Amino acid sequence: QVQLVESGGGLVQPGGSLRLSCATSGFTFSSYAMNWVRQAPGKEFEWIAQIFSSGGGIAYADSVKGRFTISRDNVKNILYLQMNNLKVEDTGVYYCKIQSGARGQGTQVTVSS
């Protein structure tokens, strides 16, 4: 069955960095475009980044452009999100998601001084 397991979240001060990982199994990872989405407390889901199956087609939401980097390892079947210069408003639960498909259980990111 399809599994997506996020990790790497935590508490970080403003300006800090985190690297999220999403370990996948149960499907042919290298054939699917993948997304990162997040949900801030009390808010709707927000799409933040996409990457095509080949590693191209990278796009970011304006809110994270220039600070976040999405990447993937099609050998290890892992999706990554490098997050730099984190802001308080980046706080939320981060999910990896198969484009138009399943998502994981999420990992909490809290940016606070």
PDB file of N, CA and C in Angstrom:
ATOM      1  N   GLN A   1       0.847  -1.172   0.000  1.00  0.00           N
ATOM      2  CA  GLN A   1       0.000   0.000   0.000  1.00  0.00           C
ATOM      3  C   GLN A   1       0.891   1.232   0.000  1.00  0.00           C
ATOM      4  N   VAL A   2       0.339   2.332  -0.468  1.00  0.00           N
ATOM      5  CA  VAL A   2       1.076   3.588  -0.546  1.00  0.00           C
ATOM      6  C   VAL A   2       1.376   4.103   0.863  1.00  0.00           C
ATOM      7  N   GLN A   3       2.644   4.429   1.082  1.00  0.00           N
ATOM      8  CA  GLN A   3       3.043   5.035   2.357  1.00  0.00           C
ATOM      9  C   GLN A   3       3.940   6.238   2.095  1.00  0.00           C
ATOM     10  N   LEU A   4       3.667   7.313   2.810  1.00  0.00           N
ATOM     11  CA  LEU A   4       4.500   8.509   2.773  1.00  0.00           C
ATOM     12  C   LEU A   4       4.729   8.919   4.227  1.00  0.00           C
ATOM     13  N   VAL A   5       5.975   8.969   4.644  1.00  0.00           N
ATOM     14  CA  VAL A   5       6.303   9.232   6.036  1.00  0.00           C
ATOM     15  C   VAL A   5       7.247  10.430   6.110  1.00  0.00           C
ATOM     16  N   GLU A   6       6.725  11.545   6.616  1.00  0.00           N
ATOM     17  CA  GLU A   6       7.530  12.753   6.748  1.00  0.00           C
ATOM     18  C   GLU A   6       8.329  12.738   8.053  1.00  0.00           C
ATOM     19  N   SER A   7       9.472  13.391   8.021  1.00  0.00           N
ATOM     20  CA  SER A   7      10.289  13.551   9.215  1.00  0.00           C
ATOM     21  C   SER A   7      11.137  14.809   9.065  1.00  0.00           C
ATOM     22  N   GLY A   8      11.750  15.225  10.178  1.00  0.00           N
ATOM     23  CA  GLY A   8      12.652  16.368  10.138  1.00  0.00           C
ATOM     24  C   GLY A   8      12.093  17.651  10.698  1.00  0.00           C
ATOM     25  N   GLY A   9      10.834  17.645  11.077  1.00  0.00           N
ATOM     26  CA  GLY A   9      10.265  18.836  11.668  1.00  0.00           C
ATOM     27  C   GLY A   9      10.799  19.080  13.067  1.00  0.00           C
ATOM     28  N   GLY A  10      10.414  20.217  13.634  1.00  0.00           N
ATOM     29  CA  GLY A  10      10.847  20.546  14.985  1.00  0.00           C
ATOM     30  C   GLY A  10      10.648  22.005  15.290  1.00  0.00           C
ATOM     31  N   LEU A  11      11.264  22.420  16.391  1.00  0.00           N
ATOM     32  CA  LEU A  11      11.205  23.815  16.836  1.00  0.00           C
ATOM     33  C   LEU A  11      12.489  24.514  16.424  1.00  0.00           C
ATOM     34  N   VAL A  12      12.348  25.653  15.773  1.00  0.00           N
ATOM     35  CA  VAL A  12      13.515  26.392  15.311  1.00  0.00           C
ATOM     36  C   VAL A  12      13.255  27.887  15.490  1.00  0.00           C
ATOM     37  N   GLN A  13      14.314  28.646  15.706  1.00  0.00           N
ATOM     38  CA  GLN A  13      14.177  30.094  15.849  1.00  0.00           C
ATOM     39  C   GLN A  13      14.031  30.750  14.478  1.00  0.00           C
ATOM     40  N   PRO A  14      13.420  31.914  14.436  1.00  0.00           N
ATOM     41  CA  PRO A  14      13.352  32.650  13.165  1.00  0.00           C
ATOM     42  C   PRO A  14      14.746  32.828  12.575  1.00  0.00           C
ATOM     43  N   GLY A  15      14.827  32.619  11.259  1.00  0.00           N
ATOM     44  CA  GLY A  15      16.118  32.678  10.582  1.00  0.00           C
ATOM     45  C   GLY A  15      16.826  31.344  10.492  1.00  0.00           C
ATOM     46  N   GLY A  16      16.320  30.363  11.194  1.00  0.00           N
ATOM     47  CA  GLY A  16      16.941  29.054  11.202  1.00  0.00           C
ATOM     48  C   GLY A  16      16.561  28.210   9.996  1.00  0.00           C
ATOM     49  N   SER A  17      17.054  26.977  10.002  1.00  0.00           N
ATOM     50  CA  SER A  17      16.840  26.058   8.879  1.00  0.00           C
ATOM     51  C   SER A  17      16.390  24.692   9.382  1.00  0.00           C
ATOM     52  N   LEU A  18      15.653  24.018   8.532  1.00  0.00           N
ATOM     53  CA  LEU A  18      15.273  22.626   8.740  1.00  0.00           C
ATOM     54  C   LEU A  18      15.271  21.923   7.392  1.00  0.00           C
ATOM     55  N   ARG A  19      15.507  20.631   7.420  1.00  0.00           N
ATOM     56  CA  ARG A  19      15.393  19.817   6.212  1.00  0.00           C
ATOM     57  C   ARG A  19      14.380  18.717   6.470  1.00  0.00           C
ATOM     58  N   LEU A  20      13.291  18.755   5.728  1.00  0.00           N
ATOM     59  CA  LEU A  20      12.268  17.734   5.834  1.00  0.00           C
ATOM     60  C   LEU A  20      12.540  16.609   4.838  1.00  0.00           C
ATOM     61  N   SER A  21      12.210  15.401   5.233  1.00  0.00           N
ATOM     62  CA  SER A  21      12.307  14.241   4.350  1.00  0.00           C
ATOM     63  C   SER A  21      10.953  13.549   4.296  1.00  0.00           C
ATOM     64  N   CYS A  22      10.702  12.892   3.196  1.00  0.00           N
ATOM     65  CA  CYS A  22       9.484  12.102   3.032  1.00  0.00           C
ATOM     66  C   CYS A  22       9.887  10.767   2.425  1.00  0.00           C
ATOM     67  N   ALA A  23       9.880   9.737   3.236  1.00  0.00           N
ATOM     68  CA  ALA A  23      10.202   8.391   2.766  1.00  0.00           C
ATOM     69  C   ALA A  23       8.950   7.748   2.190  1.00  0.00           C
ATOM     70  N   THR A  24       9.074   7.209   0.999  1.00  0.00           N
ATOM     71  CA  THR A  24       7.899   6.673   0.324  1.00  0.00           C
ATOM     72  C   THR A  24       8.056   5.188   0.005  1.00  0.00           C
ATOM     73  N   SER A  25       6.932   4.500  -0.129  1.00  0.00           N
ATOM     74  CA  SER A  25       6.917   3.102  -0.524  1.00  0.00           C
ATOM     75  C   SER A  25       5.534   2.758  -1.037  1.00  0.00           C
ATOM     76  N   GLY A  26       5.435   1.623  -1.722  1.00  0.00           N
ATOM     77  CA  GLY A  26       4.140   1.140  -2.181  1.00  0.00           C
ATOM     78  C   GLY A  26       3.694   1.658  -3.527  1.00  0.00           C
ATOM     79  N   PHE A  27       4.528   2.465  -4.165  1.00  0.00           N
ATOM     80  CA  PHE A  27       4.223   2.951  -5.506  1.00  0.00           C
ATOM     81  C   PHE A  27       5.546   3.284  -6.202  1.00  0.00           C
ATOM     82  N   THR A  28       5.479   3.495  -7.504  1.00  0.00           N
ATOM     83  CA  THR A  28       6.679   3.781  -8.273  1.00  0.00           C
ATOM     84  C   THR A  28       6.988   5.266  -8.169  1.00  0.00           C
ATOM     85  N   PHE A  29       7.766   5.603  -7.133  1.00  0.00           N
ATOM     86  CA  PHE A  29       8.055   7.002  -6.793  1.00  0.00           C
ATOM     87  C   PHE A  29       8.572   7.783  -7.994  1.00  0.00           C
ATOM     88  N   SER A  30       9.443   7.177  -8.769  1.00  0.00           N
ATOM     89  CA  SER A  30      10.092   7.878  -9.872  1.00  0.00           C
ATOM     90  C   SER A  30       9.139   8.226 -11.011  1.00  0.00           C
ATOM     91  N   SER A  31       7.911   7.746 -10.939  1.00  0.00           N
ATOM     92  CA  SER A  31       6.937   8.013 -12.000  1.00  0.00           C
ATOM     93  C   SER A  31       5.968   9.137 -11.668  1.00  0.00           C
ATOM     94  N   TYR A  32       6.075   9.681 -10.465  1.00  0.00           N
ATOM     95  CA  TYR A  32       5.072  10.630 -10.005  1.00  0.00           C
ATOM     96  C   TYR A  32       5.655  11.996  -9.659  1.00  0.00           C
ATOM     97  N   ALA A  33       4.932  13.045 -10.074  1.00  0.00           N
ATOM     98  CA  ALA A  33       5.208  14.365  -9.553  1.00  0.00           C
ATOM     99  C   ALA A  33       4.804  14.399  -8.082  1.00  0.00           C
ATOM    100  N   MET A  34       5.556  15.172  -7.313  1.00  0.00           N
ATOM    101  CA  MET A  34       5.328  15.236  -5.872  1.00  0.00           C
ATOM    102  C   MET A  34       5.206  16.684  -5.426  1.00  0.00           C
ATOM    103  N   ASN A  35       4.466  16.890  -4.368  1.00  0.00           N
ATOM    104  CA  ASN A  35       4.264  18.213  -3.800  1.00  0.00           C
ATOM    105  C   ASN A  35       4.586  18.226  -2.309  1.00  0.00           C
ATOM    106  N   TRP A  36       4.897  19.388  -1.814  1.00  0.00           N
ATOM    107  CA  TRP A  36       4.839  19.669  -0.380  1.00  0.00           C
ATOM    108  C   TRP A  36       3.687  20.653  -0.170  1.00  0.00           C
ATOM    109  N   VAL A  37       2.896  20.377   0.851  1.00  0.00           N
ATOM    110  CA  VAL A  37       1.828  21.285   1.259  1.00  0.00           C
ATOM    111  C   VAL A  37       1.951  21.477   2.755  1.00  0.00           C
ATOM    112  N   ARG A  38       1.331  22.516   3.270  1.00  0.00           N
ATOM    113  CA  ARG A  38       1.360  22.750   4.710  1.00  0.00           C
ATOM    114  C   ARG A  38       0.027  23.281   5.174  1.00  0.00           C
ATOM    115  N   GLN A  39      -0.201  23.150   6.468  1.00  0.00           N
ATOM    116  CA  GLN A  39      -1.411  23.687   7.067  1.00  0.00           C
ATOM    117  C   GLN A  39      -1.042  24.396   8.358  1.00  0.00           C
ATOM    118  N   ALA A  40      -1.248  25.697   8.375  1.00  0.00           N
ATOM    119  CA  ALA A  40      -1.017  26.482   9.572  1.00  0.00           C
ATOM    120  C   ALA A  40      -2.219  26.328  10.500  1.00  0.00           C
ATOM    121  N   PRO A  41      -2.031  26.572  11.788  1.00  0.00           N
ATOM    122  CA  PRO A  41      -3.140  26.427  12.736  1.00  0.00           C
ATOM    123  C   PRO A  41      -4.346  27.254  12.320  1.00  0.00           C
ATOM    124  N   GLY A  42      -5.488  26.607  12.197  1.00  0.00           N
ATOM    125  CA  GLY A  42      -6.728  27.293  11.890  1.00  0.00           C
ATOM    126  C   GLY A  42      -6.873  27.750  10.454  1.00  0.00           C
ATOM    127  N   LYS A  43      -5.961  27.303   9.585  1.00  0.00           N
ATOM    128  CA  LYS A  43      -6.004  27.752   8.190  1.00  0.00           C
ATOM    129  C   LYS A  43      -6.159  26.576   7.242  1.00  0.00           C
ATOM    130  N   GLU A  44      -6.445  26.911   5.982  1.00  0.00           N
ATOM    131  CA  GLU A  44      -6.577  25.898   4.940  1.00  0.00           C
ATOM    132  C   GLU A  44      -5.201  25.361   4.547  1.00  0.00           C
ATOM    133  N   PHE A  45      -5.214  24.227   3.855  1.00  0.00           N
ATOM    134  CA  PHE A  45      -3.981  23.701   3.285  1.00  0.00           C
ATOM    135  C   PHE A  45      -3.418  24.699   2.266  1.00  0.00           C
ATOM    136  N   GLU A  46      -2.104  24.810   2.252  1.00  0.00           N
ATOM    137  CA  GLU A  46      -1.414  25.696   1.322  1.00  0.00           C
ATOM    138  C   GLU A  46      -0.389  24.885   0.548  1.00  0.00           C
ATOM    139  N   TRP A  47      -0.495  24.898  -0.777  1.00  0.00           N
ATOM    140  CA  TRP A  47       0.529  24.270  -1.599  1.00  0.00           C
ATOM    141  C   TRP A  47       1.784  25.132  -1.544  1.00  0.00           C
ATOM    142  N   ILE A  48       2.962  24.503  -1.405  1.00  0.00           N
ATOM    143  CA  ILE A  48       4.165  25.301  -1.329  1.00  0.00           C
ATOM    144  C   ILE A  48       5.228  24.927  -2.346  1.00  0.00           C
ATOM    145  N   ALA A  49       5.240  23.685  -2.831  1.00  0.00           N
ATOM    146  CA  ALA A  49       6.280  23.336  -3.790  1.00  0.00           C
ATOM    147  C   ALA A  49       5.896  22.091  -4.575  1.00  0.00           C
ATOM    148  N   GLN A  50       6.387  22.013  -5.816  1.00  0.00           N
ATOM    149  CA  GLN A  50       6.179  20.831  -6.628  1.00  0.00           C
ATOM    150  C   GLN A  50       7.468  20.446  -7.336  1.00  0.00           C
ATOM    151  N   ILE A  51       7.566  19.183  -7.696  1.00  0.00           N
ATOM    152  CA  ILE A  51       8.688  18.697  -8.490  1.00  0.00           C
ATOM    153  C   ILE A  51       8.179  17.560  -9.361  1.00  0.00           C
ATOM    154  N   PHE A  52       8.526  17.581 -10.629  1.00  0.00           N
ATOM    155  CA  PHE A  52       8.107  16.537 -11.543  1.00  0.00           C
ATOM    156  C   PHE A  52       8.884  15.250 -11.288  1.00  0.00           C
ATOM    157  N   SER A  53       8.427  14.173 -11.890  1.00  0.00           N
ATOM    158  CA  SER A  53       9.010  12.859 -11.647  1.00  0.00           C
ATOM    159  C   SER A  53      10.502  12.811 -11.967  1.00  0.00           C
ATOM    160  N   SER A  54      10.900  13.549 -12.991  1.00  0.00           N
ATOM    161  CA  SER A  54      12.298  13.538 -13.438  1.00  0.00           C
ATOM    162  C   SER A  54      13.197  14.446 -12.608  1.00  0.00           C
ATOM    163  N   GLY A  55      12.585  15.266 -11.764  1.00  0.00           N
ATOM    164  CA  GLY A  55      13.327  16.258 -10.995  1.00  0.00           C
ATOM    165  C   GLY A  55      13.218  17.656 -11.562  1.00  0.00           C
ATOM    166  N   GLY A  56      12.618  17.782 -12.733  1.00  0.00           N
ATOM    167  CA  GLY A  56      12.388  19.098 -13.304  1.00  0.00           C
ATOM    168  C   GLY A  56      11.036  19.650 -12.870  1.00  0.00           C
ATOM    169  N   GLY A  57      10.594  20.693 -13.562  1.00  0.00           N
ATOM    170  CA  GLY A  57       9.274  21.251 -13.284  1.00  0.00           C
ATOM    171  C   GLY A  57       9.107  21.789 -11.886  1.00  0.00           C
ATOM    172  N   ILE A  58      10.208  22.283 -11.304  1.00  0.00           N
ATOM    173  CA  ILE A  58      10.149  22.765  -9.929  1.00  0.00           C
ATOM    174  C   ILE A  58       9.444  24.118  -9.882  1.00  0.00           C
ATOM    175  N   ALA A  59       8.538  24.245  -8.931  1.00  0.00           N
ATOM    176  CA  ALA A  59       7.813  25.498  -8.730  1.00  0.00           C
ATOM    177  C   ALA A  59       7.536  25.684  -7.248  1.00  0.00           C
ATOM    178  N   TYR A  60       7.429  26.959  -6.852  1.00  0.00           N
ATOM    179  CA  TYR A  60       7.221  27.298  -5.448  1.00  0.00           C
ATOM    180  C   TYR A  60       6.124  28.338  -5.311  1.00  0.00           C
ATOM    181  N   ALA A  61       5.460  28.279  -4.165  1.00  0.00           N
ATOM    182  CA  ALA A  61       4.559  29.364  -3.814  1.00  0.00           C
ATOM    183  C   ALA A  61       5.379  30.620  -3.539  1.00  0.00           C
ATOM    184  N   ASP A  62       4.784  31.764  -3.798  1.00  0.00           N
ATOM    185  CA  ASP A  62       5.496  33.026  -3.569  1.00  0.00           C
ATOM    186  C   ASP A  62       5.948  33.168  -2.121  1.00  0.00           C
ATOM    187  N   SER A  63       5.187  32.588  -1.201  1.00  0.00           N
ATOM    188  CA  SER A  63       5.477  32.729   0.227  1.00  0.00           C
ATOM    189  C   SER A  63       6.784  32.056   0.638  1.00  0.00           C
ATOM    190  N   VAL A  64       7.281  31.128  -0.173  1.00  0.00           N
ATOM    191  CA  VAL A  64       8.504  30.397   0.201  1.00  0.00           C
ATOM    192  C   VAL A  64       9.604  30.521  -0.838  1.00  0.00           C
ATOM    193  N   LYS A  65       9.315  31.139  -1.964  1.00  0.00           N
ATOM    194  CA  LYS A  65      10.280  31.234  -3.058  1.00  0.00           C
ATOM    195  C   LYS A  65      11.546  31.933  -2.587  1.00  0.00           C
ATOM    196  N   GLY A  66      12.685  31.355  -2.918  1.00  0.00           N
ATOM    197  CA  GLY A  66      13.970  31.915  -2.523  1.00  0.00           C
ATOM    198  C   GLY A  66      14.456  31.438  -1.170  1.00  0.00           C
ATOM    199  N   ARG A  67      13.598  30.776  -0.413  1.00  0.00           N
ATOM    200  CA  ARG A  67      13.975  30.281   0.915  1.00  0.00           C
ATOM    201  C   ARG A  67      13.915  28.752   1.017  1.00  0.00           C
ATOM    202  N   PHE A  68      13.006  28.148   0.291  1.00  0.00           N
ATOM    203  CA  PHE A  68      12.809  26.696   0.337  1.00  0.00           C
ATOM    204  C   PHE A  68      13.306  26.065  -0.961  1.00  0.00           C
ATOM    205  N   THR A  69      13.796  24.824  -0.850  1.00  0.00           N
ATOM    206  CA  THR A  69      14.249  24.068  -2.027  1.00  0.00           C
ATOM    207  C   THR A  69      13.706  22.653  -1.961  1.00  0.00           C
ATOM    208  N   ILE A  70      12.978  22.275  -2.989  1.00  0.00           N
ATOM    209  CA  ILE A  70      12.453  20.910  -3.082  1.00  0.00           C
ATOM    210  C   ILE A  70      13.405  20.081  -3.922  1.00  0.00           C
ATOM    211  N   SER A  71      13.569  18.820  -3.537  1.00  0.00           N
ATOM    212  CA  SER A  71      14.411  17.909  -4.314  1.00  0.00           C
ATOM    213  C   SER A  71      13.932  16.483  -4.078  1.00  0.00           C
ATOM    214  N   ARG A  72      14.472  15.571  -4.862  1.00  0.00           N
ATOM    215  CA  ARG A  72      14.071  14.181  -4.714  1.00  0.00           C
ATOM    216  C   ARG A  72      15.220  13.245  -5.065  1.00  0.00           C
ATOM    217  N   ASP A  73      15.180  12.058  -4.496  1.00  0.00           N
ATOM    218  CA  ASP A  73      16.142  10.998  -4.795  1.00  0.00           C
ATOM    219  C   ASP A  73      15.334   9.810  -5.292  1.00  0.00           C
ATOM    220  N   ASN A  74      15.360   9.608  -6.589  1.00  0.00           N
ATOM    221  CA  ASN A  74      14.550   8.551  -7.191  1.00  0.00           C
ATOM    222  C   ASN A  74      15.155   7.162  -7.018  1.00  0.00           C
ATOM    223  N   VAL A  75      16.329   7.083  -6.443  1.00  0.00           N
ATOM    224  CA  VAL A  75      16.912   5.782  -6.102  1.00  0.00           C
ATOM    225  C   VAL A  75      16.462   5.377  -4.694  1.00  0.00           C
ATOM    226  N   LYS A  76      16.531   6.337  -3.772  1.00  0.00           N
ATOM    227  CA  LYS A  76      16.123   6.067  -2.388  1.00  0.00           C
ATOM    228  C   LYS A  76      14.624   6.260  -2.173  1.00  0.00           C
ATOM    229  N   ASN A  77      13.935   6.800  -3.176  1.00  0.00           N
ATOM    230  CA  ASN A  77      12.485   7.051  -3.074  1.00  0.00           C
ATOM    231  C   ASN A  77      12.153   8.026  -1.942  1.00  0.00           C
ATOM    232  N   ILE A  78      12.897   9.090  -1.861  1.00  0.00           N
ATOM    233  CA  ILE A  78      12.721  10.087  -0.815  1.00  0.00           C
ATOM    234  C   ILE A  78      12.549  11.469  -1.449  1.00  0.00           C
ATOM    235  N   LEU A  79      11.623  12.218  -0.906  1.00  0.00           N
ATOM    236  CA  LEU A  79      11.378  13.609  -1.272  1.00  0.00           C
ATOM    237  C   LEU A  79      11.914  14.487  -0.146  1.00  0.00           C
ATOM    238  N   TYR A  80      12.516  15.621  -0.518  1.00  0.00           N
ATOM    239  CA  TYR A  80      13.104  16.517   0.480  1.00  0.00           C
ATOM    240  C   TYR A  80      12.538  17.929   0.356  1.00  0.00           C
ATOM    241  N   LEU A  81      12.634  18.651   1.465  1.00  0.00           N
ATOM    242  CA  LEU A  81      12.347  20.082   1.450  1.00  0.00           C
ATOM    243  C   LEU A  81      13.352  20.761   2.370  1.00  0.00           C
ATOM    244  N   GLN A  82      14.278  21.495   1.781  1.00  0.00           N
ATOM    245  CA  GLN A  82      15.230  22.290   2.550  1.00  0.00           C
ATOM    246  C   GLN A  82      14.609  23.652   2.810  1.00  0.00           C
ATOM    247  N   MET A  83      14.505  24.021   4.058  1.00  0.00           N
ATOM    248  CA  MET A  83      13.863  25.267   4.437  1.00  0.00           C
ATOM    249  C   MET A  83      14.868  26.159   5.151  1.00  0.00           C
ATOM    250  N   ASN A  84      15.165  27.292   4.560  1.00  0.00           N
ATOM    251  CA  ASN A  84      16.119  28.252   5.125  1.00  0.00           C
ATOM    252  C   ASN A  84      15.417  29.555   5.471  1.00  0.00           C
ATOM    253  N   ASN A  85      16.063  30.345   6.310  1.00  0.00           N
ATOM    254  CA  ASN A  85      15.525  31.646   6.709  1.00  0.00           C
ATOM    255  C   ASN A  85      14.054  31.529   7.123  1.00  0.00           C
ATOM    256  N   LEU A  86      13.800  30.593   8.016  1.00  0.00           N
ATOM    257  CA  LEU A  86      12.418  30.336   8.424  1.00  0.00           C
ATOM    258  C   LEU A  86      11.830  31.528   9.157  1.00  0.00           C
ATOM    259  N   LYS A  87      10.530  31.724   8.959  1.00  0.00           N
ATOM    260  CA  LYS A  87       9.790  32.815   9.565  1.00  0.00           C
ATOM    261  C   LYS A  87       8.696  32.246  10.465  1.00  0.00           C
ATOM    262  N   VAL A  88       8.226  33.054  11.383  1.00  0.00           N
ATOM    263  CA  VAL A  88       7.166  32.619  12.290  1.00  0.00           C
ATOM    264  C   VAL A  88       5.956  32.108  11.503  1.00  0.00           C
ATOM    265  N   GLU A  89       5.667  32.781  10.391  1.00  0.00           N
ATOM    266  CA  GLU A  89       4.502  32.397   9.588  1.00  0.00           C
ATOM    267  C   GLU A  89       4.691  31.087   8.826  1.00  0.00           C
ATOM    268  N   ASP A  90       5.874  30.489   8.895  1.00  0.00           N
ATOM    269  CA  ASP A  90       6.081  29.167   8.314  1.00  0.00           C
ATOM    270  C   ASP A  90       5.626  28.052   9.251  1.00  0.00           C
ATOM    271  N   THR A  91       5.228  28.386  10.448  1.00  0.00           N
ATOM    272  CA  THR A  91       4.753  27.394  11.414  1.00  0.00           C
ATOM    273  C   THR A  91       3.551  26.646  10.875  1.00  0.00           C
ATOM    274  N   GLY A  92       3.570  25.323  11.034  1.00  0.00           N
ATOM    275  CA  GLY A  92       2.444  24.511  10.591  1.00  0.00           C
ATOM    276  C   GLY A  92       2.846  23.053  10.474  1.00  0.00           C
ATOM    277  N   VAL A  93       1.909  22.257  10.011  1.00  0.00           N
ATOM    278  CA  VAL A  93       2.183  20.849   9.732  1.00  0.00           C
ATOM    279  C   VAL A  93       2.487  20.720   8.247  1.00  0.00           C
ATOM    280  N   TYR A  94       3.595  20.091   7.944  1.00  0.00           N
ATOM    281  CA  TYR A  94       4.062  19.941   6.561  1.00  0.00           C
ATOM    282  C   TYR A  94       3.828  18.517   6.093  1.00  0.00           C
ATOM    283  N   TYR A  95       3.268  18.403   4.905  1.00  0.00           N
ATOM    284  CA  TYR A  95       2.921  17.114   4.338  1.00  0.00           C
ATOM    285  C   TYR A  95       3.561  16.954   2.969  1.00  0.00           C
ATOM    286  N   CYS A  96       4.052  15.763   2.678  1.00  0.00           N
ATOM    287  CA  CYS A  96       4.388  15.451   1.294  1.00  0.00           C
ATOM    288  C   CYS A  96       3.176  14.787   0.659  1.00  0.00           C
ATOM    289  N   LYS A  97       3.063  14.968  -0.634  1.00  0.00           N
ATOM    290  CA  LYS A  97       1.842  14.535  -1.304  1.00  0.00           C
ATOM    291  C   LYS A  97       2.147  14.116  -2.731  1.00  0.00           C
ATOM    292  N   ILE A  98       1.601  12.982  -3.120  1.00  0.00           N
ATOM    293  CA  ILE A  98       1.622  12.610  -4.531  1.00  0.00           C
ATOM    294  C   ILE A  98       0.697  13.591  -5.248  1.00  0.00           C
ATOM    295  N   GLN A  99       1.146  14.189  -6.331  1.00  0.00           N
ATOM    296  CA  GLN A  99       0.296  15.157  -7.022  1.00  0.00           C
ATOM    297  C   GLN A  99      -1.027  14.495  -7.375  1.00  0.00           C
ATOM    298  N   SER A 100      -2.123  15.122  -6.958  1.00  0.00           N
ATOM    299  CA  SER A 100      -3.482  14.608  -7.164  1.00  0.00           C
ATOM    300  C   SER A 100      -3.683  13.248  -6.503  1.00  0.00           C
ATOM    301  N   GLY A 101      -2.934  12.999  -5.409  1.00  0.00           N
ATOM    302  CA  GLY A 101      -3.046  11.706  -4.746  1.00  0.00           C
ATOM    303  C   GLY A 101      -2.863  11.785  -3.253  1.00  0.00           C
ATOM    304  N   ALA A 102      -2.390  10.699  -2.690  1.00  0.00           N
ATOM    305  CA  ALA A 102      -2.293  10.549  -1.241  1.00  0.00           C
ATOM    306  C   ALA A 102      -1.246  11.477  -0.643  1.00  0.00           C
ATOM    307  N   ARG A 103      -1.415  11.748   0.648  1.00  0.00           N
ATOM    308  CA  ARG A 103      -0.418  12.507   1.395  1.00  0.00           C
ATOM    309  C   ARG A 103      -0.066  11.760   2.675  1.00  0.00           C
ATOM    310  N   GLY A 104       1.046  12.162   3.293  1.00  0.00           N
ATOM    311  CA  GLY A 104       1.480  11.520   4.518  1.00  0.00           C
ATOM    312  C   GLY A 104       0.760  12.062   5.735  1.00  0.00           C
ATOM    313  N   GLN A 105       1.293  11.704   6.914  1.00  0.00           N
ATOM    314  CA  GLN A 105       0.647  12.105   8.166  1.00  0.00           C
ATOM    315  C   GLN A 105       1.141  13.461   8.662  1.00  0.00           C
ATOM    316  N   GLY A 106       2.212  13.939   8.055  1.00  0.00           N
ATOM    317  CA  GLY A 106       2.703  15.275   8.366  1.00  0.00           C
ATOM    318  C   GLY A 106       3.766  15.307   9.445  1.00  0.00           C
ATOM    319  N   THR A 107       4.525  16.400   9.438  1.00  0.00           N
ATOM    320  CA  THR A 107       5.524  16.668  10.464  1.00  0.00           C
ATOM    321  C   THR A 107       5.385  18.124  10.900  1.00  0.00           C
ATOM    322  N   GLN A 108       5.428  18.351  12.197  1.00  0.00           N
ATOM    323  CA  GLN A 108       5.192  19.691  12.734  1.00  0.00           C
ATOM    324  C   GLN A 108       6.449  20.540  12.641  1.00  0.00           C
ATOM    325  N   VAL A 109       6.293  21.739  12.120  1.00  0.00           N
ATOM    326  CA  VAL A 109       7.355  22.744  12.095  1.00  0.00           C
ATOM    327  C   VAL A 109       6.883  23.944  12.900  1.00  0.00           C
ATOM    328  N   THR A 110       7.655  24.309  13.905  1.00  0.00           N
ATOM    329  CA  THR A 110       7.318  25.467  14.733  1.00  0.00           C
ATOM    330  C   THR A 110       8.482  26.441  14.706  1.00  0.00           C
ATOM    331  N   VAL A 111       8.196  27.654  14.266  1.00  0.00           N
ATOM    332  CA  VAL A 111       9.218  28.700  14.203  1.00  0.00           C
ATOM    333  C   VAL A 111       8.863  29.735  15.254  1.00  0.00           C
ATOM    334  N   SER A 112       9.704  29.831  16.262  1.00  0.00           N
ATOM    335  CA  SER A 112       9.402  30.710  17.383  1.00  0.00           C
ATOM    336  C   SER A 112      10.681  31.076  18.116  1.00  0.00           C
ATOM    337  N   SER A 113      10.691  32.285  18.647  1.00  0.00           N
ATOM    338  CA  SER A 113      11.838  32.708  19.457  1.00  0.00           C
ATOM    339  C   SER A 113      11.573  32.437  20.931  1.00  0.00           C
TER     340      SER A 113
END
